[in-house]
C-alpha atoms as a PDB file:
ATOM      1  CA  MET A   1       4.901   0.945  83.473  1.00  0.00           C
ATOM      2  CA  LYS A   2       2.070  -1.645  84.710  1.00  0.00           C
ATOM      3  CA  VAL A   3      -0.834  -0.792  86.735  1.00  0.00           C
ATOM      4  CA  LYS A   4      -3.753  -3.382  87.402  1.00  0.00           C
ATOM      5  CA  ILE A   5      -7.347  -3.090  87.420  1.00  0.00           C
ATOM      6  CA  ASN A   6      -9.059  -5.571  89.418  1.00  0.00           C
ATOM      7  CA  GLU A   7     -12.382  -7.643  89.229  1.00  0.00           C
ATOM      8  CA  GLU A   8     -13.945  -5.120  91.639  1.00  0.00           C
ATOM      9  CA  GLY A   9     -13.292  -1.914  89.218  1.00  0.00           C
ATOM     10  CA  TYR A  10     -10.299  -0.492  91.137  1.00  0.00           C
ATOM     11  CA  LEU A  11      -7.230   0.794  89.649  1.00  0.00           C
ATOM     12  CA  ILE A  12      -4.369  -0.098  91.550  1.00  0.00           C
ATOM     13  CA  ILE A  13      -1.115   2.262  90.920  1.00  0.00           C
ATOM     14  CA  PRO A  14       1.987   0.890  92.425  1.00  0.00           C
ATOM     15  CA  ALA A  15       3.997   3.089  94.636  1.00  0.00           C
ATOM     16  CA  GLU A  16       6.766   4.210  92.233  1.00  0.00           C
ATOM     17  CA  ILE A  17       4.132   5.454  89.823  1.00  0.00           C
ATOM     18  CA  SER A  18       1.932   7.009  92.309  1.00  0.00           C
ATOM     19  CA  GLU A  19       5.038   8.828  94.116  1.00  0.00           C
ATOM     20  CA  LYS A  20       6.438  10.354  90.804  1.00  0.00           C
ATOM     21  CA  PHE A  21       2.956  11.311  89.289  1.00  0.00           C
ATOM     22  CA  PHE A  22       0.116  11.493  91.863  1.00  0.00           C
ATOM     23  CA  ASN A  23       1.111  13.433  94.870  1.00  0.00           C
ATOM     24  CA  THR A  24      -2.661  14.074  95.374  1.00  0.00           C
ATOM     25  CA  PHE A  25      -5.589  12.598  96.941  1.00  0.00           C
ATOM     26  CA  SER A  26      -7.556  12.416  93.885  1.00  0.00           C
ATOM     27  CA  ILE A  27      -7.768  11.909  90.473  1.00  0.00           C
ATOM     28  CA  SER A  28      -9.812  12.585  87.458  1.00  0.00           C
ATOM     29  CA  VAL A  29     -10.687   9.592  84.761  1.00  0.00           C
ATOM     30  CA  VAL A  30     -11.604   9.912  80.960  1.00  0.00           C
ATOM     31  CA  TYR A  31     -12.419   6.706  78.801  1.00  0.00           C
ATOM     32  CA  LYS A  32     -11.828   7.881  75.024  1.00  0.00           C
ATOM     33  CA  GLU A  33     -10.841   5.139  72.135  1.00  0.00           C
ATOM     34  CA  ASN A  34     -10.204   2.259  74.334  1.00  0.00           C
ATOM     35  CA  GLN A  35      -7.882   4.251  76.601  1.00  0.00           C
ATOM     36  CA  LEU A  36      -8.360   5.449  80.078  1.00  0.00           C
ATOM     37  CA  ILE A  37      -6.762   8.994  80.815  1.00  0.00           C
ATOM     38  CA  VAL A  38      -6.041   9.551  84.469  1.00  0.00           C
ATOM     39  CA  PHE A  39      -5.085  13.149  85.594  1.00  0.00           C
ATOM     40  CA  PRO A  40      -4.070  13.922  88.866  1.00  0.00           C
ATOM     41  CA  VAL A  41      -6.336  16.463  90.757  1.00  0.00           C
ATOM     42  CA  LYS A  42      -5.709  18.670  93.614  1.00  0.00           C
ATOM     43  CA  GLU A  43      -8.046  17.941  96.425  1.00  0.00           C
ATOM     44  CA  GLU A  44      -9.924  21.446  96.212  1.00  0.00           C
ATOM     45  CA  ALA A  45     -11.062  20.506  92.733  1.00  0.00           C
ATOM     46  CA  GLY A  46     -12.893  17.224  93.634  1.00  0.00           C
ATOM     47  CA  GLY A  47     -12.524  13.969  91.459  1.00  0.00           C
ATOM     48  CA  ILE A  48     -12.065  10.480  92.573  1.00  0.00           C
ATOM     49  CA  ILE A  49     -10.531   9.406  96.082  1.00  0.00           C
ATOM     50  CA  LEU A  50      -7.206   8.154  95.509  1.00  0.00           C
ATOM     51  CA  LYS A  51      -6.425   5.978  98.649  1.00  0.00           C
ATOM     52  CA  TYR A  52      -3.461   4.442  99.940  1.00  0.00           C
ATOM     53  CA  LYS A  53      -3.833   0.356  99.542  1.00  0.00           C
ATOM     54  CA  ASN A  54      -0.701  -0.705 101.663  1.00  0.00           C
ATOM     55  CA  SER A  55       2.205   0.415 103.638  1.00  0.00           C
ATOM     56  CA  LYS A  56       4.273  -0.056 100.312  1.00  0.00           C
ATOM     57  CA  GLY A  57       2.626   3.119  99.107  1.00  0.00           C
ATOM     58  CA  ASP A  58       0.432   1.492  96.294  1.00  0.00           C
ATOM     59  CA  ARG A  59      -2.792   3.558  95.665  1.00  0.00           C
ATOM     60  CA  SER A  60      -6.247   2.623  94.529  1.00  0.00           C
ATOM     61  CA  ALA A  61      -9.336   4.240  93.137  1.00  0.00           C
ATOM     62  CA  LEU A  62     -12.554   2.964  92.106  1.00  0.00           C
ATOM     63  CA  ILE A  63     -13.202   3.544  88.603  1.00  0.00           C
ATOM     64  CA  LYS A  64     -15.676   1.005  87.488  1.00  0.00           C
ATOM     65  CA  GLU A  65     -18.123   3.191  86.090  1.00  0.00           C
ATOM     66  CA  PHE A  66     -15.398   4.450  83.338  1.00  0.00           C
ATOM     67  CA  LEU A  67     -14.856   0.646  82.410  1.00  0.00           C
ATOM     68  CA  PRO A  68     -16.499  -0.579  79.265  1.00  0.00           C
ATOM     69  CA  PRO A  69     -19.156  -3.337  80.021  1.00  0.00           C
ATOM     70  CA  ASN A  70     -16.946  -6.144  78.302  1.00  0.00           C
ATOM     71  CA  PHE A  71     -13.713  -5.188  80.470  1.00  0.00           C
ATOM     72  CA  LYS A  72     -11.620  -8.277  81.954  1.00  0.00           C
ATOM     73  CA  PRO A  73      -9.536  -7.381  84.992  1.00  0.00           C
ATOM     74  CA  SER A  74      -5.901  -7.477  84.273  1.00  0.00           C
ATOM     75  CA  GLU A  75      -2.488  -5.951  84.692  1.00  0.00           C
ATOM     76  CA  LYS A  76      -2.311  -3.169  82.021  1.00  0.00           C
ATOM     77  CA  ASN A  77       0.480  -1.233  80.437  1.00  0.00           C
ATOM     78  CA  ALA A  78       0.483   2.421  81.184  1.00  0.00           C
ATOM     79  CA  VAL A  79       2.462   5.748  79.903  1.00  0.00           C
ATOM     80  CA  TRP A  80       2.824   9.130  81.315  1.00  0.00           C
ATOM     81  CA  ASN A  81       1.806  11.633  78.743  1.00  0.00           C
ATOM     82  CA  GLU A  82       3.797  15.051  79.701  1.00  0.00           C
ATOM     83  CA  ASN A  83       1.951  16.919  77.637  1.00  0.00           C
ATOM     84  CA  LEU A  84      -1.474  15.954  78.994  1.00  0.00           C
ATOM     85  CA  ASN A  85      -0.291  15.702  82.456  1.00  0.00           C
ATOM     86  CA  ALA A  86      -1.950  12.349  82.567  1.00  0.00           C
ATOM     87  CA  LEU A  87      -1.370   8.500  82.634  1.00  0.00           C
ATOM     88  CA  LEU A  88      -2.710   6.540  79.607  1.00  0.00           C
ATOM     89  CA  ILE A  89      -3.863   2.938  80.116  1.00  0.00           C
ATOM     90  CA  ASN A  90      -4.598   1.125  76.944  1.00  0.00           C
ATOM     91  CA  ILE A  91      -7.872  -1.317  77.855  1.00  0.00           C
END
């Protein structure tokens, strides 16, 4: 799976991934050991707003505060972790 993090610090999740794993309107993000861990979060629990980016169903969320200072925008590999119920993104 691939996701993109753009120059403004938005995480772009393609429709195929968001439809399967992110049926919520918010996420929680943790940065740990050069990896972003992205959890789907129920609306009443708060979190970062996960917006619809386009009519295809791609989603986006502003995550720049979780990125390291030397981060370069690019497409990243992502893996769904069933044990954590989270998307793991190596950065």
